[in-house]
Amino acid sequence: MDVLQISIATMPFLLALMSRTGKAIVPCLLTSLFTVLLGPEPHRAVVAWCVGTLIAAVALRERLRTV
């Protein structure tokens, strides 16, 4: 995987860091790691990335809603 693919794979983790919710950071980190590890199998990597992005988006939305 090149740098662009790794940066896209870690996007759920970075979004979870912006949400500042401890409950969302660990699952997003794990899904980002699974996405990087499953890189050679694109269909499985996309599923892991989508799950992580969904978790991060919900956490970020909750943070913005409380502001």
N, C-alpha and C. Protein backbone atom coordinates (compact mmCIF):
# COMPACT_ATOMS: atom_id res chain seq x y z
N MET A 1 0.85 -1.18 0.00
CA MET A 1 0.00 0.00 0.00
C MET A 1 0.90 1.24 0.00
N ASP A 2 0.49 2.23 -0.75
CA ASP A 2 1.26 3.47 -0.76
C ASP A 2 0.70 4.45 0.28
N VAL A 3 1.27 5.60 0.35
CA VAL A 3 0.93 6.59 1.38
C VAL A 3 -0.52 7.06 1.24
N LEU A 4 -1.00 7.24 0.03
CA LEU A 4 -2.37 7.69 -0.18
C LEU A 4 -3.37 6.66 0.33
N GLN A 5 -3.14 5.40 0.04
CA GLN A 5 -4.04 4.35 0.51
C GLN A 5 -4.04 4.23 2.02
N ILE A 6 -2.89 4.37 2.63
CA ILE A 6 -2.81 4.30 4.09
C ILE A 6 -3.50 5.50 4.72
N SER A 7 -3.35 6.68 4.12
CA SER A 7 -4.02 7.86 4.68
C SER A 7 -5.53 7.75 4.55
N ILE A 8 -6.03 7.17 3.48
CA ILE A 8 -7.47 6.95 3.35
C ILE A 8 -7.94 5.89 4.34
N ALA A 9 -7.13 4.86 4.54
CA ALA A 9 -7.50 3.79 5.47
C ALA A 9 -7.57 4.28 6.91
N THR A 10 -6.76 5.27 7.26
CA THR A 10 -6.76 5.77 8.63
C THR A 10 -7.75 6.91 8.85
N MET A 11 -8.51 7.27 7.85
CA MET A 11 -9.46 8.37 7.99
C MET A 11 -10.50 8.14 9.09
N PRO A 12 -11.06 6.93 9.28
CA PRO A 12 -11.99 6.75 10.40
C PRO A 12 -11.35 7.04 11.76
N PHE A 13 -10.10 6.65 11.93
CA PHE A 13 -9.41 6.91 13.19
C PHE A 13 -9.20 8.40 13.40
N LEU A 14 -8.84 9.11 12.35
CA LEU A 14 -8.64 10.56 12.47
C LEU A 14 -9.96 11.28 12.76
N LEU A 15 -11.05 10.82 12.15
CA LEU A 15 -12.35 11.41 12.46
C LEU A 15 -12.76 11.15 13.90
N ALA A 16 -12.44 9.96 14.40
CA ALA A 16 -12.76 9.64 15.79
C ALA A 16 -11.95 10.50 16.75
N LEU A 17 -10.71 10.82 16.38
CA LEU A 17 -9.92 11.72 17.23
C LEU A 17 -10.54 13.11 17.30
N MET A 18 -11.15 13.55 16.22
CA MET A 18 -11.81 14.86 16.22
C MET A 18 -13.06 14.84 17.09
N SER A 19 -13.69 13.69 17.23
CA SER A 19 -14.90 13.62 18.04
C SER A 19 -14.59 13.65 19.53
N ARG A 20 -13.36 13.32 19.89
CA ARG A 20 -12.91 13.32 21.28
C ARG A 20 -13.74 12.42 22.18
N THR A 21 -14.26 11.34 21.62
CA THR A 21 -15.03 10.37 22.39
C THR A 21 -14.18 9.12 22.54
N GLY A 22 -13.85 8.78 23.76
CA GLY A 22 -13.00 7.62 24.00
C GLY A 22 -13.63 6.31 23.54
N LYS A 23 -14.96 6.27 23.55
CA LYS A 23 -15.64 5.05 23.14
C LYS A 23 -15.55 4.82 21.64
N ALA A 24 -15.31 5.85 20.86
CA ALA A 24 -15.25 5.70 19.41
C ALA A 24 -13.83 5.57 18.89
N ILE A 25 -12.85 5.98 19.66
CA ILE A 25 -11.47 5.97 19.17
C ILE A 25 -10.94 4.55 18.99
N VAL A 26 -11.16 3.69 19.96
CA VAL A 26 -10.62 2.34 19.90
C VAL A 26 -11.24 1.52 18.76
N PRO A 27 -12.57 1.49 18.60
CA PRO A 27 -13.12 0.74 17.47
C PRO A 27 -12.67 1.28 16.11
N CYS A 28 -12.55 2.58 16.01
CA CYS A 28 -12.09 3.15 14.74
C CYS A 28 -10.62 2.84 14.48
N LEU A 29 -9.83 2.79 15.52
CA LEU A 29 -8.44 2.38 15.35
C LEU A 29 -8.35 0.94 14.87
N LEU A 30 -9.17 0.07 15.45
CA LEU A 30 -9.16 -1.33 15.04
C LEU A 30 -9.64 -1.50 13.60
N THR A 31 -10.68 -0.78 13.21
CA THR A 31 -11.15 -0.91 11.83
C THR A 31 -10.13 -0.33 10.85
N SER A 32 -9.41 0.71 11.25
CA SER A 32 -8.37 1.24 10.38
C SER A 32 -7.23 0.24 10.21
N LEU A 33 -6.87 -0.43 11.30
CA LEU A 33 -5.83 -1.45 11.21
C LEU A 33 -6.28 -2.62 10.33
N PHE A 34 -7.54 -3.04 10.48
CA PHE A 34 -8.05 -4.11 9.63
C PHE A 34 -8.07 -3.69 8.17
N THR A 35 -8.39 -2.43 7.91
CA THR A 35 -8.39 -1.95 6.54
C THR A 35 -7.00 -2.01 5.93
N VAL A 36 -5.99 -1.61 6.70
CA VAL A 36 -4.61 -1.66 6.20
C VAL A 36 -4.17 -3.11 6.00
N LEU A 37 -4.50 -3.97 6.96
CA LEU A 37 -4.09 -5.36 6.86
C LEU A 37 -4.81 -6.11 5.73
N LEU A 38 -6.05 -5.74 5.46
CA LEU A 38 -6.82 -6.39 4.40
C LEU A 38 -6.69 -5.68 3.06
N GLY A 39 -5.72 -4.80 2.94
CA GLY A 39 -5.51 -4.05 1.71
C GLY A 39 -5.43 -4.88 0.44
N PRO A 40 -4.75 -6.03 0.47
CA PRO A 40 -4.71 -6.85 -0.75
C PRO A 40 -6.05 -7.45 -1.14
N GLU A 41 -6.99 -7.54 -0.20
CA GLU A 41 -8.34 -8.04 -0.49
C GLU A 41 -9.31 -6.86 -0.43
N PRO A 42 -9.54 -6.17 -1.54
CA PRO A 42 -10.27 -4.91 -1.51
C PRO A 42 -11.71 -5.00 -0.98
N HIS A 43 -12.41 -6.08 -1.25
CA HIS A 43 -13.81 -6.16 -0.81
C HIS A 43 -13.91 -6.21 0.70
N ARG A 44 -13.04 -6.93 1.34
CA ARG A 44 -13.05 -7.00 2.80
C ARG A 44 -12.55 -5.70 3.42
N ALA A 45 -11.58 -5.08 2.78
CA ALA A 45 -11.05 -3.82 3.30
C ALA A 45 -12.11 -2.72 3.24
N VAL A 46 -12.92 -2.71 2.20
CA VAL A 46 -13.96 -1.69 2.07
C VAL A 46 -15.01 -1.85 3.16
N VAL A 47 -15.35 -3.08 3.50
CA VAL A 47 -16.33 -3.31 4.56
C VAL A 47 -15.80 -2.79 5.90
N ALA A 48 -14.55 -3.10 6.21
CA ALA A 48 -13.96 -2.62 7.46
C ALA A 48 -13.88 -1.10 7.47
N TRP A 49 -13.52 -0.50 6.34
CA TRP A 49 -13.42 0.96 6.26
C TRP A 49 -14.80 1.62 6.44
N CYS A 50 -15.82 1.04 5.83
CA CYS A 50 -17.17 1.61 5.95
C CYS A 50 -17.69 1.53 7.38
N VAL A 51 -17.42 0.44 8.06
CA VAL A 51 -17.85 0.31 9.46
C VAL A 51 -17.15 1.36 10.32
N GLY A 52 -15.85 1.51 10.13
CA GLY A 52 -15.11 2.51 10.90
C GLY A 52 -15.56 3.92 10.62
N THR A 53 -15.83 4.22 9.36
CA THR A 53 -16.29 5.55 8.99
C THR A 53 -17.67 5.82 9.58
N LEU A 54 -18.53 4.83 9.59
CA LEU A 54 -19.86 5.00 10.18
C LEU A 54 -19.77 5.28 11.67
N ILE A 55 -18.93 4.54 12.38
CA ILE A 55 -18.75 4.78 13.82
C ILE A 55 -18.21 6.18 14.07
N ALA A 56 -17.22 6.57 13.29
CA ALA A 56 -16.62 7.90 13.48
C ALA A 56 -17.59 9.01 13.13
N ALA A 57 -18.39 8.81 12.10
CA ALA A 57 -19.35 9.85 11.70
C ALA A 57 -20.42 10.05 12.77
N VAL A 58 -20.88 8.97 13.35
CA VAL A 58 -21.89 9.09 14.42
C VAL A 58 -21.29 9.79 15.63
N ALA A 59 -20.07 9.44 16.00
CA ALA A 59 -19.41 10.09 17.15
C ALA A 59 -19.17 11.56 16.88
N LEU A 60 -18.75 11.89 15.67
CA LEU A 60 -18.52 13.30 15.33
C LEU A 60 -19.82 14.09 15.30
N ARG A 61 -20.87 13.47 14.80
CA ARG A 61 -22.17 14.13 14.78
C ARG A 61 -22.67 14.41 16.20
N GLU A 62 -22.46 13.46 17.10
CA GLU A 62 -22.88 13.68 18.49
C GLU A 62 -22.08 14.80 19.15
N ARG A 63 -20.80 14.90 18.82
CA ARG A 63 -19.99 15.99 19.37
C ARG A 63 -20.48 17.34 18.86
N LEU A 64 -20.76 17.41 17.57
CA LEU A 64 -21.22 18.68 17.00
C LEU A 64 -22.62 19.05 17.48
N ARG A 65 -23.42 18.03 17.79
CA ARG A 65 -24.77 18.30 18.27
C ARG A 65 -24.77 18.89 19.68
N THR A 66 -23.77 18.52 20.48
CA THR A 66 -23.72 19.03 21.86
C THR A 66 -23.12 20.42 21.94
N VAL A 67 -22.49 20.88 20.87
CA VAL A 67 -21.84 22.19 20.90
C VAL A 67 -22.83 23.29 20.75
